């Protein structure tokens, strides 16, 4: 396991009598990307700003591997924390050239050494040829790569990305994600990104933390959280989910398509959570379900299915599926995409 670079313990922040951060624990590790995923207002950016030293706390501790940065009050100023930050709005200085923007955060070394470091960072983000240009001459994606290079240039222990790619179109976002991952890996820093985009979080993160109402409700590998959410609200953060309430008897919950086994003890009533990918759907003239609506989603089809009790389920099939709206279909559940949680 990689070395911890930064630990946050018991972070609590009150604003207007409400807990914006509610006893948050988080560990960032060297060379690893951690993503915080949650809806707007969950406390993601507040957590990021607290780690950066831009937000005070009511209680809690933030420490690096060598020193305490915060123990409820900002003890170490942001500029002395050895933390880099990339914002959604780039925050470049319009009156400075590209290379001067990257040089801005470099304080140690000779003039030649600092310039060599800045050029090396621009090379890492594939923009060394634009060193003498100004921000207004660059595209949005290029400006964000400059912001990334500037944040990484001082060789920070930790790099923070606050919705850093959300202002870009799909193609640019995909390109910049890969550039950022390569640059962060080359640096060996711990990275923390916040986003409300589930696809982005799962693509970039080694560790994913789900945040709701100021609390981190689940942490782990992205695939583990997708397949084994701890609650329906956690499951919804990562995509569409089918939900079915029922009694749990002998460790199983019956659905219209068969029983789902509980991975752990679930008392009384429970909630079955089934990802659309787990709804194995096929044509069957005698099937007890009917395809209602079909929508293409790239290589897949999203199919709304009327169940035997007229309830509506969401299934996915590959794009070449012959199923049409109105067809009778059969559903078989794939247990890898099914889980049972307490019905709280």
Protein backbone atom coordinates (compact mmCIF):
# COMPACT_ATOMS: atom_id res chain seq x y z
CA UNK A 1 0.00 0.00 0.00
CA UNK A 2 1.28 3.48 -0.84
CA UNK A 3 2.47 5.84 1.89
CA UNK A 4 -0.12 8.19 3.43
CA UNK A 5 0.60 11.78 2.40
CA UNK A 6 -2.26 13.55 4.14
CA UNK A 7 -4.82 12.56 6.78
CA UNK A 8 -8.02 14.38 7.64
CA UNK A 9 -9.74 13.26 10.85
CA UNK A 10 -13.08 14.34 12.31
CA UNK A 11 -13.47 17.42 10.11
CA UNK A 12 -16.56 19.39 11.11
CA UNK A 13 -17.69 22.70 9.67
CA UNK A 14 -20.82 24.59 10.74
CA UNK A 15 -22.41 27.21 8.55
CA UNK A 16 -25.67 28.86 9.56
CA UNK A 17 -26.24 26.17 12.18
CA UNK A 18 -25.92 23.39 9.59
CA UNK A 19 -23.09 20.87 9.42
CA UNK A 20 -21.50 21.42 6.02
CA UNK A 21 -18.84 18.88 7.01
CA UNK A 22 -19.92 16.24 9.50
CA UNK A 23 -17.03 14.35 11.15
CA UNK A 24 -15.22 13.63 7.85
CA UNK A 25 -12.25 11.24 7.78
CA UNK A 26 -10.09 10.92 4.67
CA UNK A 27 -6.62 9.59 3.86
CA UNK A 28 -4.71 10.57 0.72
CA UNK A 29 -1.81 8.41 -0.42
CA UNK A 30 1.30 9.13 -2.43
CA UNK A 31 0.86 8.51 -6.15
CA UNK A 32 -2.83 7.75 -5.76
CA UNK A 33 -5.94 9.61 -6.97
CA UNK A 34 -8.87 9.92 -4.59
CA UNK A 35 -12.18 11.27 -5.90
CA UNK A 36 -15.00 12.75 -3.83
CA UNK A 37 -18.31 12.25 -5.60
CA UNK A 38 -21.53 13.84 -4.43
CA UNK A 39 -24.40 16.11 -5.43
CA UNK A 40 -24.25 19.90 -5.28
CA UNK A 41 -24.25 21.06 -1.67
CA UNK A 42 -22.79 17.81 -0.33
CA UNK A 43 -19.73 19.61 1.10
CA UNK A 44 -17.18 18.48 -1.50
CA UNK A 45 -15.65 21.88 -2.27
CA UNK A 46 -15.71 22.87 1.41
CA UNK A 47 -13.66 19.76 2.20
CA UNK A 48 -11.20 20.60 -0.57
CA UNK A 49 -10.86 24.20 0.60
CA UNK A 50 -10.33 23.08 4.20
CA UNK A 51 -7.47 20.82 3.11
CA UNK A 52 -5.98 23.68 1.09
CA UNK A 53 -6.20 26.00 4.10
CA UNK A 54 -8.77 28.28 2.47
CA UNK A 55 -11.61 27.31 4.84
CA UNK A 56 -11.55 27.27 8.64
CA UNK A 57 -13.04 24.39 10.63
CA UNK A 58 -14.97 24.05 13.86
CA UNK A 59 -13.13 20.88 14.76
CA UNK A 60 -10.93 18.17 13.30
CA UNK A 61 -7.31 17.64 12.34
CA UNK A 62 -5.50 17.76 9.01
CA UNK A 63 -1.93 16.49 9.03
CA UNK A 64 0.71 15.66 6.45
CA UNK A 65 3.22 12.90 7.03
CA UNK A 66 5.47 15.36 8.86
CA UNK A 67 3.33 18.06 10.50
CA UNK A 68 -0.11 19.20 11.63
CA UNK A 69 -1.69 21.61 9.14
CA UNK A 70 -4.93 22.23 11.02
CA UNK A 71 -6.34 21.25 14.39
CA UNK A 72 -9.68 23.00 14.00
CA UNK A 73 -8.15 26.37 13.14
CA UNK A 74 -5.84 27.15 10.20
CA UNK A 75 -2.35 26.79 11.67
CA UNK A 76 -0.39 26.62 8.44
CA UNK A 77 -1.08 29.21 5.74
CA UNK A 78 -2.19 27.88 2.32
CA UNK A 79 1.04 28.96 0.62
CA UNK A 80 3.08 26.99 3.17
CA UNK A 81 1.21 23.69 2.93
CA UNK A 82 2.97 22.35 -0.18
CA UNK A 83 -0.43 21.75 -1.76
CA UNK A 84 -1.26 22.59 -5.38
CA UNK A 85 -4.78 23.44 -6.52
CA UNK A 86 -6.52 23.44 -9.91
CA UNK A 87 -9.83 25.30 -10.15
CA UNK A 88 -12.68 24.95 -12.62
CA UNK A 89 -12.17 28.51 -13.93
CA UNK A 90 -8.41 28.05 -14.66
CA UNK A 91 -7.45 31.18 -12.63
CA UNK A 92 -4.57 32.06 -14.94
CA UNK A 93 -3.04 35.54 -14.90
CA UNK A 94 -4.09 37.12 -18.24
CA UNK A 95 -1.18 39.61 -18.27
CA UNK A 96 1.45 36.86 -17.91
CA UNK A 97 2.71 34.56 -20.63
CA UNK A 98 2.13 30.83 -20.36
CA UNK A 99 5.61 30.17 -18.99
CA UNK A 100 5.37 33.07 -16.54
CA UNK A 101 2.08 31.64 -15.25
CA UNK A 102 3.85 28.35 -14.54
CA UNK A 103 6.86 30.16 -13.04
CA UNK A 104 4.63 32.11 -10.66
CA UNK A 105 4.57 29.41 -7.99
CA UNK A 106 8.25 28.51 -8.24
CA UNK A 107 10.24 30.20 -5.48
CA UNK A 108 13.36 28.07 -5.05
CA UNK A 109 16.35 27.62 -7.35
CA UNK A 110 18.12 29.91 -9.75
CA UNK A 111 16.35 31.71 -12.58
CA UNK A 112 17.66 29.11 -15.04
CA UNK A 113 16.61 26.21 -12.81
CA UNK A 114 13.11 27.58 -12.38
CA UNK A 115 12.73 28.17 -16.11
CA UNK A 116 13.92 24.63 -16.85
CA UNK A 117 11.38 23.28 -14.37
CA UNK A 118 8.56 25.33 -15.91
CA UNK A 119 9.48 24.16 -19.41
CA UNK A 120 9.60 20.55 -18.21
CA UNK A 121 6.10 20.89 -16.78
CA UNK A 122 4.83 22.43 -20.03
CA UNK A 123 6.37 19.51 -21.91
CA UNK A 124 4.57 17.13 -19.58
CA UNK A 125 1.21 18.67 -20.53
CA UNK A 126 2.23 18.90 -24.23
CA UNK A 127 2.30 22.69 -24.40
CA UNK A 128 5.99 23.61 -24.44
CA UNK A 129 5.54 25.13 -27.90
CA UNK A 130 3.08 27.69 -26.45
CA UNK A 131 5.40 28.91 -23.68
CA UNK A 132 5.50 32.53 -24.87
CA UNK A 133 1.81 32.81 -25.73
CA UNK A 134 -0.79 34.41 -23.45
CA UNK A 135 -3.84 32.70 -21.91
CA UNK A 136 -6.33 34.43 -24.24
CA UNK A 137 -4.57 32.77 -27.20
CA UNK A 138 -5.31 29.27 -25.88
CA UNK A 139 -8.38 27.07 -25.93
CA UNK A 140 -10.17 26.18 -22.69
CA UNK A 141 -8.54 22.77 -22.60
CA UNK A 142 -5.10 24.28 -23.14
CA UNK A 143 -5.67 26.84 -20.40
CA UNK A 144 -6.63 24.09 -17.98
CA UNK A 145 -3.47 22.15 -18.87
CA UNK A 146 -1.47 25.28 -18.03
CA UNK A 147 -3.29 25.51 -14.70
CA UNK A 148 -2.38 21.88 -14.03
CA UNK A 149 1.28 22.49 -14.96
CA UNK A 150 1.39 25.53 -12.66
CA UNK A 151 -0.07 23.57 -9.75
CA UNK A 152 2.41 20.70 -10.23
CA UNK A 153 5.50 22.83 -10.90
CA UNK A 154 6.50 23.35 -7.23
CA UNK A 155 6.36 19.54 -6.73
CA UNK A 156 3.56 19.61 -4.13
CA UNK A 157 2.91 16.68 -1.81
CA UNK A 158 -0.79 16.95 -2.66
CA UNK A 159 -2.68 18.23 -5.69
CA UNK A 160 -6.34 19.28 -5.38
CA UNK A 161 -8.71 19.47 -8.36
CA UNK A 162 -11.99 21.29 -7.78
CA UNK A 163 -14.41 20.33 -10.60
CA UNK A 164 -11.38 20.98 -12.78
CA UNK A 165 -12.78 19.49 -16.00
CA UNK A 166 -16.48 20.30 -15.75
CA UNK A 167 -16.32 23.44 -17.89
CA UNK A 168 -14.98 21.58 -20.94
CA UNK A 169 -16.75 19.65 -23.68
CA UNK A 170 -16.73 15.86 -23.69
CA UNK A 171 -13.75 15.28 -25.98
CA UNK A 172 -11.55 17.86 -24.24
CA UNK A 173 -12.51 16.48 -20.84
CA UNK A 174 -11.49 12.97 -21.86
CA UNK A 175 -8.15 14.21 -23.22
CA UNK A 176 -7.42 16.33 -20.14
CA UNK A 177 -8.26 13.49 -17.75
CA UNK A 178 -5.57 11.34 -19.35
CA UNK A 179 -3.08 14.22 -19.38
CA UNK A 180 -3.78 14.93 -15.71
CA UNK A 181 -3.44 11.28 -14.70
CA UNK A 182 -0.11 10.98 -16.51
CA UNK A 183 1.22 14.22 -15.00
CA UNK A 184 0.10 13.30 -11.47
CA UNK A 185 1.63 9.83 -11.80
CA UNK A 186 4.93 11.30 -13.01
CA UNK A 187 4.91 13.70 -10.05
CA UNK A 188 4.13 10.98 -7.49
CA UNK A 189 1.86 13.34 -5.57
CA UNK A 190 -1.32 12.43 -3.77
CA UNK A 191 -4.31 13.78 -5.70
CA UNK A 192 -7.79 14.66 -4.49
CA UNK A 193 -10.48 15.64 -6.96
CA UNK A 194 -14.08 16.61 -6.33
CA UNK A 195 -16.75 16.10 -8.95
CA UNK A 196 -20.45 15.46 -9.40
CA UNK A 197 -19.73 13.43 -12.56
CA UNK A 198 -19.85 9.70 -11.74
CA UNK A 199 -18.15 8.64 -14.97
CA UNK A 200 -15.26 11.02 -14.37
CA UNK A 201 -14.86 9.90 -10.76
CA UNK A 202 -14.80 6.21 -11.65
CA UNK A 203 -12.43 6.76 -14.58
CA UNK A 204 -9.82 8.72 -12.64
CA UNK A 205 -9.96 7.44 -9.08
CA UNK A 206 -7.96 4.73 -7.39
CA UNK A 207 -10.13 5.36 -4.33
CA UNK A 208 -13.65 6.77 -4.48
CA UNK A 209 -15.46 8.44 -1.58
CA UNK A 210 -19.20 9.09 -1.78
CA UNK A 211 -20.37 12.23 0.03
CA UNK A 212 -23.93 13.11 1.03
CA UNK A 213 -25.04 15.94 3.35
CA UNK A 214 -21.53 16.64 4.63
CA UNK A 215 -20.72 13.01 5.41
CA UNK A 216 -18.63 10.43 3.58
CA UNK A 217 -20.99 7.47 3.44
CA UNK A 218 -18.78 4.94 1.61
CA UNK A 219 -15.16 4.67 0.52
CA UNK A 220 -13.40 2.09 -1.62
CA UNK A 221 -12.41 1.04 -5.12
CA UNK A 222 -14.80 2.46 -7.77
CA UNK A 223 -15.93 -0.97 -9.01
CA UNK A 224 -16.63 -2.14 -5.46
CA UNK A 225 -18.82 0.90 -4.76
CA UNK A 226 -20.67 0.47 -8.05
CA UNK A 227 -21.47 -3.18 -7.42
CA UNK A 228 -21.90 -3.10 -3.64
CA UNK A 229 -23.35 0.23 -2.51
CA UNK A 230 -24.18 0.58 1.19
CA UNK A 231 -27.49 2.32 0.52
CA UNK A 232 -29.85 3.33 -2.24
CA UNK A 233 -28.70 6.96 -2.01
CA UNK A 234 -25.06 5.87 -2.40
CA UNK A 235 -26.02 3.66 -5.36
CA UNK A 236 -27.81 6.54 -7.13
CA UNK A 237 -24.66 8.66 -7.09
CA UNK A 238 -23.00 6.17 -9.43
CA UNK A 239 -25.83 5.72 -11.91
CA UNK A 240 -29.27 4.27 -12.52
CA UNK A 241 -30.50 1.68 -10.06
CA UNK A 242 -33.64 -0.45 -9.81
CA UNK A 243 -35.09 -0.68 -6.30
CA UNK A 244 -37.42 -3.32 -4.85
CA UNK A 245 -38.62 -3.44 -1.24
CA UNK A 246 -39.51 -6.68 0.47
CA UNK A 247 -39.02 -8.95 3.48
CA UNK A 248 -35.66 -10.66 3.93
CA UNK A 249 -36.23 -14.29 4.83
CA UNK A 250 -33.44 -16.85 5.25
CA UNK A 251 -30.96 -14.33 3.88
CA UNK A 252 -32.90 -13.78 0.64
CA UNK A 253 -35.25 -11.18 -0.79
CA UNK A 254 -37.76 -12.20 -3.44
CA UNK A 255 -38.16 -10.02 -6.53
CA UNK A 256 -40.43 -10.55 -9.56
CA UNK A 257 -37.42 -12.13 -11.26
CA UNK A 258 -36.23 -14.44 -8.52
CA UNK A 259 -34.47 -14.26 -5.17
CA UNK A 260 -31.42 -12.13 -4.36
CA UNK A 261 -29.10 -13.29 -1.61
CA UNK A 262 -27.98 -10.81 1.04
CA UNK A 263 -24.19 -10.62 1.39
CA UNK A 264 -24.59 -9.87 5.12
CA UNK A 265 -27.31 -9.93 7.72
CA UNK A 266 -30.22 -7.65 6.83
CA UNK A 267 -32.97 -7.72 9.48
CA UNK A 268 -36.67 -7.47 8.64
CA UNK A 269 -37.45 -5.72 5.41
CA UNK A 270 -34.74 -4.82 2.94
CA UNK A 271 -34.24 -3.11 -0.37
CA UNK A 272 -32.93 -4.95 -3.41
CA UNK A 273 -30.71 -2.79 -5.62
CA UNK A 274 -30.21 -3.97 -9.18
CA UNK A 275 -28.05 -2.18 -11.75
CA UNK A 276 -29.58 -2.05 -15.26
CA UNK A 277 -26.66 -4.16 -16.50
CA UNK A 278 -27.85 -6.89 -14.15
CA UNK A 279 -31.25 -7.13 -15.84
CA UNK A 280 -30.53 -9.83 -18.39
CA UNK A 281 -33.20 -9.19 -21.01
CA UNK A 282 -34.19 -11.37 -23.95
CA UNK A 283 -37.10 -11.75 -26.37
CA UNK A 284 -39.72 -14.25 -25.24
CA UNK A 285 -43.26 -14.25 -26.69
CA UNK A 286 -44.43 -15.88 -23.45
CA UNK A 287 -42.48 -13.57 -21.17
CA UNK A 288 -44.28 -11.88 -18.28
CA UNK A 289 -42.69 -8.47 -18.99
CA UNK A 290 -43.05 -5.96 -21.80
CA UNK A 291 -40.53 -3.56 -23.30
CA UNK A 292 -42.03 -0.06 -23.09
CA UNK A 293 -39.40 2.44 -24.25
CA UNK A 294 -36.02 1.95 -25.91
CA UNK A 295 -33.32 4.62 -26.08
CA UNK A 296 -29.86 4.22 -27.65
CA UNK A 297 -26.91 4.97 -25.36
CA UNK A 298 -23.83 4.59 -27.50
CA UNK A 299 -23.01 0.88 -27.59
CA UNK A 300 -26.02 0.04 -25.41
CA UNK A 301 -29.77 0.36 -25.33
CA UNK A 302 -31.65 1.63 -22.29
CA UNK A 303 -34.91 -0.33 -22.13
CA UNK A 304 -37.84 0.55 -19.86
CA UNK A 305 -39.57 -2.69 -18.93
CA UNK A 306 -43.04 -3.16 -17.46
CA UNK A 307 -42.77 -5.91 -14.85
CA UNK A 308 -45.38 -8.54 -14.03
CA UNK A 309 -47.02 -6.21 -11.48
CA UNK A 310 -46.94 -3.25 -13.89
CA UNK A 311 -43.96 -1.79 -12.06
CA UNK A 312 -41.28 -0.22 -14.29
CA UNK A 313 -37.68 -1.45 -14.39
CA UNK A 314 -34.66 -0.23 -16.36
CA UNK A 315 -32.59 -2.77 -18.28
CA UNK A 316 -29.62 -2.43 -20.62
CA UNK A 317 -28.87 -4.45 -23.74
CA UNK A 318 -26.23 -4.15 -26.44
CA UNK A 319 -27.06 -1.95 -29.43
CA UNK A 320 -27.63 -4.93 -31.75
CA UNK A 321 -30.45 -6.29 -29.57
CA UNK A 322 -33.57 -7.09 -31.68
CA UNK A 323 -35.95 -5.99 -28.89
CA UNK A 324 -38.49 -3.35 -29.92
CA UNK A 325 -41.01 -1.36 -27.92
CA UNK A 326 -44.07 -3.51 -27.23
CA UNK A 327 -42.20 -6.84 -27.37
CA UNK A 328 -42.75 -9.45 -24.66
CA UNK A 329 -39.48 -10.12 -22.86
CA UNK A 330 -37.95 -12.28 -20.16
CA UNK A 331 -35.68 -10.98 -17.39
CA UNK A 332 -32.99 -13.01 -15.63
CA UNK A 333 -30.99 -11.29 -12.90
CA UNK A 334 -27.19 -11.33 -12.87
CA UNK A 335 -26.32 -11.62 -9.15
CA UNK A 336 -23.04 -9.67 -9.60
CA UNK A 337 -25.10 -6.53 -10.21
CA UNK A 338 -27.54 -7.12 -7.35
CA UNK A 339 -27.27 -6.32 -3.65
CA UNK A 340 -29.55 -5.96 -0.65
CA UNK A 341 -29.36 -3.08 1.84
CA UNK A 342 -31.31 -2.22 4.96
CA UNK A 343 -34.55 -0.49 4.10
CA UNK A 344 -33.93 2.64 6.17
